[in-house]
């Protein structure tokens, strides 16, 4: 019997997002608009109830001017 490898999911680092929003003088609603997502979805990402898709991660990194994945996201191992 084959053992399943633990999977992982990507979570947004809300503390880092707030820091970047303050630095860029941007609101959460502005970030959502510029990233092409709803403010409700961004709120779910910030609270950790949803995980961003690869495309949303790319857009958030672009809008927040982040080049390193680890600066904005964490990888959570799910057993």
PDB file of N, CA and C in Angstrom:
ATOM      1  N   UNK A   1       0.834  -1.178   0.000  1.00  0.00           N
ATOM      2  CA  UNK A   1       0.000   0.000   0.000  1.00  0.00           C
ATOM      3  C   UNK A   1       0.883   1.247   0.000  1.00  0.00           C
ATOM      4  N   UNK A   2       0.572   2.154  -0.897  1.00  0.00           N
ATOM      5  CA  UNK A   2       1.341   3.382  -1.021  1.00  0.00           C
ATOM      6  C   UNK A   2       0.909   4.409   0.012  1.00  0.00           C
ATOM      7  N   UNK A   3       1.877   5.072   0.601  1.00  0.00           N
ATOM      8  CA  UNK A   3       1.568   6.140   1.561  1.00  0.00           C
ATOM      9  C   UNK A   3       1.375   7.445   0.802  1.00  0.00           C
ATOM     10  N   UNK A   4       0.379   8.173   1.207  1.00  0.00           N
ATOM     11  CA  UNK A   4       0.139   9.483   0.594  1.00  0.00           C
ATOM     12  C   UNK A   4       1.132  10.490   1.142  1.00  0.00           C
ATOM     13  N   UNK A   5       1.664  11.272   0.250  1.00  0.00           N
ATOM     14  CA  UNK A   5       2.546  12.357   0.660  1.00  0.00           C
ATOM     15  C   UNK A   5       1.694  13.447   1.288  1.00  0.00           C
ATOM     16  N   UNK A   6       2.207  14.072   2.344  1.00  0.00           N
ATOM     17  CA  UNK A   6       1.436  15.180   2.911  1.00  0.00           C
ATOM     18  C   UNK A   6       1.294  16.282   1.866  1.00  0.00           C
ATOM     19  N   UNK A   7       0.132  16.862   1.774  1.00  0.00           N
ATOM     20  CA  UNK A   7      -0.058  17.955   0.827  1.00  0.00           C
ATOM     21  C   UNK A   7       0.144  19.276   1.563  1.00  0.00           C
ATOM     22  N   UNK A   8       0.189  20.317   0.800  1.00  0.00           N
ATOM     23  CA  UNK A   8       0.379  21.631   1.412  1.00  0.00           C
ATOM     24  C   UNK A   8      -0.568  22.625   0.767  1.00  0.00           C
ATOM     25  N   UNK A   9      -0.783  23.710   1.464  1.00  0.00           N
ATOM     26  CA  UNK A   9      -1.598  24.784   0.905  1.00  0.00           C
ATOM     27  C   UNK A   9      -0.910  26.104   1.217  1.00  0.00           C
ATOM     28  N   UNK A  10      -1.170  27.052   0.363  1.00  0.00           N
ATOM     29  CA  UNK A  10      -0.550  28.370   0.480  1.00  0.00           C
ATOM     30  C   UNK A  10      -1.492  29.298   1.228  1.00  0.00           C
ATOM     31  N   UNK A  11      -0.952  29.980   2.213  1.00  0.00           N
ATOM     32  CA  UNK A  11      -1.732  30.947   2.995  1.00  0.00           C
ATOM     33  C   UNK A  11      -1.091  32.322   2.865  1.00  0.00           C
ATOM     34  N   UNK A  12      -1.929  33.321   2.821  1.00  0.00           N
ATOM     35  CA  UNK A  12      -1.479  34.710   2.782  1.00  0.00           C
ATOM     36  C   UNK A  12      -1.030  35.128   4.174  1.00  0.00           C
ATOM     37  N   UNK A  13       0.027  35.922   4.255  1.00  0.00           N
ATOM     38  CA  UNK A  13       0.510  36.441   5.538  1.00  0.00           C
ATOM     39  C   UNK A  13      -0.135  37.810   5.772  1.00  0.00           C
ATOM     40  N   UNK A  14      -1.237  37.866   6.526  1.00  0.00           N
ATOM     41  CA  UNK A  14      -1.960  39.131   6.689  1.00  0.00           C
ATOM     42  C   UNK A  14      -1.132  40.225   7.354  1.00  0.00           C
ATOM     43  N   UNK A  15      -0.263  39.859   8.285  1.00  0.00           N
ATOM     44  CA  UNK A  15       0.581  40.865   8.930  1.00  0.00           C
ATOM     45  C   UNK A  15       1.460  41.572   7.912  1.00  0.00           C
ATOM     46  N   UNK A  16       1.986  40.811   6.977  1.00  0.00           N
ATOM     47  CA  UNK A  16       2.843  41.380   5.930  1.00  0.00           C
ATOM     48  C   UNK A  16       2.015  42.228   4.959  1.00  0.00           C
ATOM     49  N   UNK A  17       0.815  41.772   4.640  1.00  0.00           N
ATOM     50  CA  UNK A  17      -0.049  42.539   3.736  1.00  0.00           C
ATOM     51  C   UNK A  17      -0.361  43.904   4.345  1.00  0.00           C
ATOM     52  N   UNK A  18      -0.731  43.932   5.634  1.00  0.00           N
ATOM     53  CA  UNK A  18      -1.044  45.215   6.279  1.00  0.00           C
ATOM     54  C   UNK A  18       0.169  46.139   6.278  1.00  0.00           C
ATOM     55  N   UNK A  19       1.338  45.579   6.525  1.00  0.00           N
ATOM     56  CA  UNK A  19       2.568  46.372   6.508  1.00  0.00           C
ATOM     57  C   UNK A  19       2.790  46.996   5.129  1.00  0.00           C
ATOM     58  N   UNK A  20       2.601  46.192   4.091  1.00  0.00           N
ATOM     59  CA  UNK A  20       2.792  46.684   2.725  1.00  0.00           C
ATOM     60  C   UNK A  20       1.717  47.692   2.335  1.00  0.00           C
ATOM     61  N   UNK A  21       0.476  47.448   2.738  1.00  0.00           N
ATOM     62  CA  UNK A  21      -0.597  48.402   2.444  1.00  0.00           C
ATOM     63  C   UNK A  21      -0.295  49.752   3.085  1.00  0.00           C
ATOM     64  N   UNK A  22       0.181  49.739   4.317  1.00  0.00           N
ATOM     65  CA  UNK A  22       0.544  50.993   4.985  1.00  0.00           C
ATOM     66  C   UNK A  22       1.681  51.691   4.259  1.00  0.00           C
ATOM     67  N   UNK A  23       2.684  50.925   3.870  1.00  0.00           N
ATOM     68  CA  UNK A  23       3.836  51.501   3.168  1.00  0.00           C
ATOM     69  C   UNK A  23       3.426  52.109   1.829  1.00  0.00           C
ATOM     70  N   UNK A  24       2.504  51.452   1.131  1.00  0.00           N
ATOM     71  CA  UNK A  24       2.054  51.924  -0.183  1.00  0.00           C
ATOM     72  C   UNK A  24       0.876  52.890  -0.086  1.00  0.00           C
ATOM     73  N   UNK A  25       0.440  53.180   1.146  1.00  0.00           N
ATOM     74  CA  UNK A  25      -0.709  54.066   1.371  1.00  0.00           C
ATOM     75  C   UNK A  25      -1.919  53.589   0.561  1.00  0.00           C
ATOM     76  N   UNK A  26      -2.230  52.309   0.711  1.00  0.00           N
ATOM     77  CA  UNK A  26      -3.289  51.663  -0.059  1.00  0.00           C
ATOM     78  C   UNK A  26      -4.273  50.999   0.901  1.00  0.00           C
ATOM     79  N   UNK A  27      -5.536  50.968   0.512  1.00  0.00           N
ATOM     80  CA  UNK A  27      -6.541  50.290   1.333  1.00  0.00           C
ATOM     81  C   UNK A  27      -6.694  48.839   0.870  1.00  0.00           C
ATOM     82  N   UNK A  28      -7.347  48.059   1.690  1.00  0.00           N
ATOM     83  CA  UNK A  28      -7.621  46.666   1.344  1.00  0.00           C
ATOM     84  C   UNK A  28      -8.520  46.612   0.107  1.00  0.00           C
ATOM     85  N   UNK A  29      -9.480  47.516   0.005  1.00  0.00           N
ATOM     86  CA  UNK A  29     -10.365  47.554  -1.165  1.00  0.00           C
ATOM     87  C   UNK A  29      -9.599  47.917  -2.428  1.00  0.00           C
ATOM     88  N   UNK A  30      -8.656  48.842  -2.316  1.00  0.00           N
ATOM     89  CA  UNK A  30      -7.842  49.208  -3.481  1.00  0.00           C
ATOM     90  C   UNK A  30      -6.994  48.023  -3.933  1.00  0.00           C
ATOM     91  N   UNK A  31      -6.429  47.308  -2.977  1.00  0.00           N
ATOM     92  CA  UNK A  31      -5.631  46.125  -3.316  1.00  0.00           C
ATOM     93  C   UNK A  31      -6.488  45.105  -4.055  1.00  0.00           C
ATOM     94  N   UNK A  32      -7.672  44.845  -3.546  1.00  0.00           N
ATOM     95  CA  UNK A  32      -8.569  43.884  -4.189  1.00  0.00           C
ATOM     96  C   UNK A  32      -8.879  44.313  -5.619  1.00  0.00           C
ATOM     97  N   UNK A  33      -9.201  45.573  -5.797  1.00  0.00           N
ATOM     98  CA  UNK A  33      -9.536  46.096  -7.125  1.00  0.00           C
ATOM     99  C   UNK A  33      -8.353  45.950  -8.087  1.00  0.00           C
ATOM    100  N   UNK A  34      -7.168  46.355  -7.646  1.00  0.00           N
ATOM    101  CA  UNK A  34      -5.981  46.286  -8.501  1.00  0.00           C
ATOM    102  C   UNK A  34      -5.572  44.845  -8.808  1.00  0.00           C
ATOM    103  N   UNK A  35      -5.869  43.937  -7.900  1.00  0.00           N
ATOM    104  CA  UNK A  35      -5.537  42.522  -8.111  1.00  0.00           C
ATOM    105  C   UNK A  35      -6.627  41.793  -8.893  1.00  0.00           C
ATOM    106  N   UNK A  36      -7.750  42.466  -9.133  1.00  0.00           N
ATOM    107  CA  UNK A  36      -8.826  41.861  -9.910  1.00  0.00           C
ATOM    108  C   UNK A  36      -9.640  40.839  -9.143  1.00  0.00           C
ATOM    109  N   UNK A  37      -9.718  41.014  -7.824  1.00  0.00           N
ATOM    110  CA  UNK A  37     -10.516  40.110  -6.994  1.00  0.00           C
ATOM    111  C   UNK A  37     -11.498  40.937  -6.171  1.00  0.00           C
ATOM    112  N   UNK A  38     -12.499  40.292  -5.619  1.00  0.00           N
ATOM    113  CA  UNK A  38     -13.470  41.029  -4.807  1.00  0.00           C
ATOM    114  C   UNK A  38     -12.877  41.314  -3.430  1.00  0.00           C
ATOM    115  N   UNK A  39     -13.392  42.347  -2.792  1.00  0.00           N
ATOM    116  CA  UNK A  39     -12.922  42.676  -1.443  1.00  0.00           C
ATOM    117  C   UNK A  39     -13.306  41.562  -0.463  1.00  0.00           C
ATOM    118  N   UNK A  40     -14.428  40.898  -0.707  1.00  0.00           N
ATOM    119  CA  UNK A  40     -14.844  39.782   0.139  1.00  0.00           C
ATOM    120  C   UNK A  40     -13.880  38.610   0.047  1.00  0.00           C
ATOM    121  N   UNK A  41     -13.429  38.317  -1.162  1.00  0.00           N
ATOM    122  CA  UNK A  41     -12.461  37.232  -1.358  1.00  0.00           C
ATOM    123  C   UNK A  41     -11.137  37.580  -0.687  1.00  0.00           C
ATOM    124  N   UNK A  42     -10.699  38.835  -0.839  1.00  0.00           N
ATOM    125  CA  UNK A  42      -9.460  39.261  -0.184  1.00  0.00           C
ATOM    126  C   UNK A  42      -9.593  39.136   1.329  1.00  0.00           C
ATOM    127  N   UNK A  43     -10.739  39.491   1.850  1.00  0.00           N
ATOM    128  CA  UNK A  43     -10.986  39.361   3.285  1.00  0.00           C
ATOM    129  C   UNK A  43     -10.862  37.897   3.724  1.00  0.00           C
ATOM    130  N   UNK A  44     -11.374  36.985   2.911  1.00  0.00           N
ATOM    131  CA  UNK A  44     -11.261  35.557   3.222  1.00  0.00           C
ATOM    132  C   UNK A  44      -9.807  35.092   3.166  1.00  0.00           C
ATOM    133  N   UNK A  45      -9.046  35.627   2.227  1.00  0.00           N
ATOM    134  CA  UNK A  45      -7.622  35.295   2.153  1.00  0.00           C
ATOM    135  C   UNK A  45      -6.890  35.812   3.389  1.00  0.00           C
ATOM    136  N   UNK A  46      -7.240  37.032   3.800  1.00  0.00           N
ATOM    137  CA  UNK A  46      -6.588  37.655   4.954  1.00  0.00           C
ATOM    138  C   UNK A  46      -6.910  36.903   6.245  1.00  0.00           C
ATOM    139  N   UNK A  47      -8.116  36.377   6.352  1.00  0.00           N
ATOM    140  CA  UNK A  47      -8.510  35.663   7.574  1.00  0.00           C
ATOM    141  C   UNK A  47      -8.065  34.200   7.558  1.00  0.00           C
ATOM    142  N   UNK A  48      -7.586  33.731   6.412  1.00  0.00           N
ATOM    143  CA  UNK A  48      -7.107  32.356   6.319  1.00  0.00           C
ATOM    144  C   UNK A  48      -8.179  31.330   6.014  1.00  0.00           C
ATOM    145  N   UNK A  49      -9.398  31.784   5.699  1.00  0.00           N
ATOM    146  CA  UNK A  49     -10.457  30.826   5.383  1.00  0.00           C
ATOM    147  C   UNK A  49     -10.381  30.333   3.941  1.00  0.00           C
ATOM    148  N   UNK A  50      -9.669  31.061   3.091  1.00  0.00           N
ATOM    149  CA  UNK A  50      -9.469  30.645   1.697  1.00  0.00           C
ATOM    150  C   UNK A  50      -7.983  30.707   1.380  1.00  0.00           C
ATOM    151  N   UNK A  51      -7.578  29.942   0.382  1.00  0.00           N
ATOM    152  CA  UNK A  51      -6.194  29.935  -0.089  1.00  0.00           C
ATOM    153  C   UNK A  51      -6.165  30.499  -1.508  1.00  0.00           C
ATOM    154  N   UNK A  52      -5.209  31.378  -1.803  1.00  0.00           N
ATOM    155  CA  UNK A  52      -5.163  32.000  -3.124  1.00  0.00           C
ATOM    156  C   UNK A  52      -4.662  31.042  -4.204  1.00  0.00           C
ATOM    157  N   UNK A  53      -5.243  31.157  -5.381  1.00  0.00           N
ATOM    158  CA  UNK A  53      -4.774  30.381  -6.528  1.00  0.00           C
ATOM    159  C   UNK A  53      -3.423  30.946  -6.973  1.00  0.00           C
ATOM    160  N   UNK A  54      -2.746  30.227  -7.842  1.00  0.00           N
ATOM    161  CA  UNK A  54      -1.454  30.690  -8.356  1.00  0.00           C
ATOM    162  C   UNK A  54      -1.602  32.042  -9.049  1.00  0.00           C
ATOM    163  N   UNK A  55      -2.666  32.220  -9.802  1.00  0.00           N
ATOM    164  CA  UNK A  55      -2.889  33.485 -10.509  1.00  0.00           C
ATOM    165  C   UNK A  55      -3.120  34.629  -9.533  1.00  0.00           C
ATOM    166  N   UNK A  56      -3.899  34.407  -8.504  1.00  0.00           N
ATOM    167  CA  UNK A  56      -4.156  35.451  -7.501  1.00  0.00           C
ATOM    168  C   UNK A  56      -2.870  35.769  -6.745  1.00  0.00           C
ATOM    169  N   UNK A  57      -2.080  34.754  -6.429  1.00  0.00           N
ATOM    170  CA  UNK A  57      -0.790  35.000  -5.764  1.00  0.00           C
ATOM    171  C   UNK A  57       0.090  35.893  -6.627  1.00  0.00           C
ATOM    172  N   UNK A  58       0.154  35.590  -7.913  1.00  0.00           N
ATOM    173  CA  UNK A  58       0.964  36.387  -8.831  1.00  0.00           C
ATOM    174  C   UNK A  58       0.489  37.834  -8.867  1.00  0.00           C
ATOM    175  N   UNK A  59      -0.833  38.025  -8.945  1.00  0.00           N
ATOM    176  CA  UNK A  59      -1.384  39.381  -9.004  1.00  0.00           C
ATOM    177  C   UNK A  59      -1.113  40.153  -7.716  1.00  0.00           C
ATOM    178  N   UNK A  60      -1.288  39.503  -6.566  1.00  0.00           N
ATOM    179  CA  UNK A  60      -1.026  40.176  -5.294  1.00  0.00           C
ATOM    180  C   UNK A  60       0.440  40.573  -5.182  1.00  0.00           C
ATOM    181  N   UNK A  61       1.332  39.691  -5.587  1.00  0.00           N
ATOM    182  CA  UNK A  61       2.757  40.008  -5.544  1.00  0.00           C
ATOM    183  C   UNK A  61       3.080  41.188  -6.452  1.00  0.00           C
ATOM    184  N   UNK A  62       2.464  41.216  -7.615  1.00  0.00           N
ATOM    185  CA  UNK A  62       2.693  42.305  -8.565  1.00  0.00           C
ATOM    186  C   UNK A  62       2.200  43.636  -8.000  1.00  0.00           C
ATOM    187  N   UNK A  63       0.978  43.668  -7.506  1.00  0.00           N
ATOM    188  CA  UNK A  63       0.394  44.909  -6.982  1.00  0.00           C
ATOM    189  C   UNK A  63       1.166  45.409  -5.761  1.00  0.00           C
ATOM    190  N   UNK A  64       1.584  44.485  -4.897  1.00  0.00           N
ATOM    191  CA  UNK A  64       2.293  44.872  -3.675  1.00  0.00           C
ATOM    192  C   UNK A  64       3.803  45.012  -3.887  1.00  0.00           C
ATOM    193  N   UNK A  65       4.247  44.809  -5.135  1.00  0.00           N
ATOM    194  CA  UNK A  65       5.657  44.978  -5.518  1.00  0.00           C
ATOM    195  C   UNK A  65       6.581  44.048  -4.734  1.00  0.00           C
ATOM    196  N   UNK A  66       6.162  42.792  -4.642  1.00  0.00           N
ATOM    197  CA  UNK A  66       6.926  41.774  -3.928  1.00  0.00           C
ATOM    198  C   UNK A  66       7.500  40.796  -4.948  1.00  0.00           C
ATOM    199  N   UNK A  67       8.776  40.463  -4.802  1.00  0.00           N
ATOM    200  CA  UNK A  67       9.398  39.518  -5.732  1.00  0.00           C
ATOM    201  C   UNK A  67       9.633  38.147  -5.108  1.00  0.00           C
ATOM    202  N   UNK A  68       9.647  38.070  -3.793  1.00  0.00           N
ATOM    203  CA  UNK A  68       9.893  36.798  -3.115  1.00  0.00           C
ATOM    204  C   UNK A  68       8.590  36.219  -2.560  1.00  0.00           C
ATOM    205  N   UNK A  69       8.279  34.998  -2.960  1.00  0.00           N
ATOM    206  CA  UNK A  69       7.076  34.298  -2.506  1.00  0.00           C
ATOM    207  C   UNK A  69       6.977  34.301  -0.984  1.00  0.00           C
ATOM    208  N   UNK A  70       8.089  34.018  -0.317  1.00  0.00           N
ATOM    209  CA  UNK A  70       8.104  33.896   1.146  1.00  0.00           C
ATOM    210  C   UNK A  70       7.819  35.203   1.873  1.00  0.00           C
ATOM    211  N   UNK A  71       7.943  36.319   1.184  1.00  0.00           N
ATOM    212  CA  UNK A  71       7.640  37.614   1.808  1.00  0.00           C
ATOM    213  C   UNK A  71       6.145  37.821   2.007  1.00  0.00           C
ATOM    214  N   UNK A  72       5.330  37.094   1.266  1.00  0.00           N
ATOM    215  CA  UNK A  72       3.891  37.335   1.297  1.00  0.00           C
ATOM    216  C   UNK A  72       3.057  36.100   1.644  1.00  0.00           C
ATOM    217  N   UNK A  73       3.652  34.920   1.494  1.00  0.00           N
ATOM    218  CA  UNK A  73       2.898  33.682   1.683  1.00  0.00           C
ATOM    219  C   UNK A  73       3.662  32.692   2.558  1.00  0.00           C
ATOM    220  N   UNK A  74       2.907  31.794   3.171  1.00  0.00           N
ATOM    221  CA  UNK A  74       3.509  30.675   3.888  1.00  0.00           C
ATOM    222  C   UNK A  74       2.910  29.389   3.336  1.00  0.00           C
ATOM    223  N   UNK A  75       3.691  28.338   3.382  1.00  0.00           N
ATOM    224  CA  UNK A  75       3.250  27.022   2.944  1.00  0.00           C
ATOM    225  C   UNK A  75       2.875  26.230   4.180  1.00  0.00           C
ATOM    226  N   UNK A  76       1.633  25.807   4.241  1.00  0.00           N
ATOM    227  CA  UNK A  76       1.125  25.062   5.394  1.00  0.00           C
ATOM    228  C   UNK A  76       0.964  23.599   4.994  1.00  0.00           C
ATOM    229  N   UNK A  77       1.617  22.705   5.725  1.00  0.00           N
ATOM    230  CA  UNK A  77       1.529  21.274   5.425  1.00  0.00           C
ATOM    231  C   UNK A  77       0.237  20.720   6.010  1.00  0.00           C
ATOM    232  N   UNK A  78      -0.488  19.996   5.173  1.00  0.00           N
ATOM    233  CA  UNK A  78      -1.755  19.386   5.576  1.00  0.00           C
ATOM    234  C   UNK A  78      -1.569  17.879   5.543  1.00  0.00           C
ATOM    235  N   UNK A  79      -1.807  17.235   6.668  1.00  0.00           N
ATOM    236  CA  UNK A  79      -1.608  15.776   6.701  1.00  0.00           C
ATOM    237  C   UNK A  79      -2.861  15.023   6.338  1.00  0.00           C
TER     238      UNK A  79
END
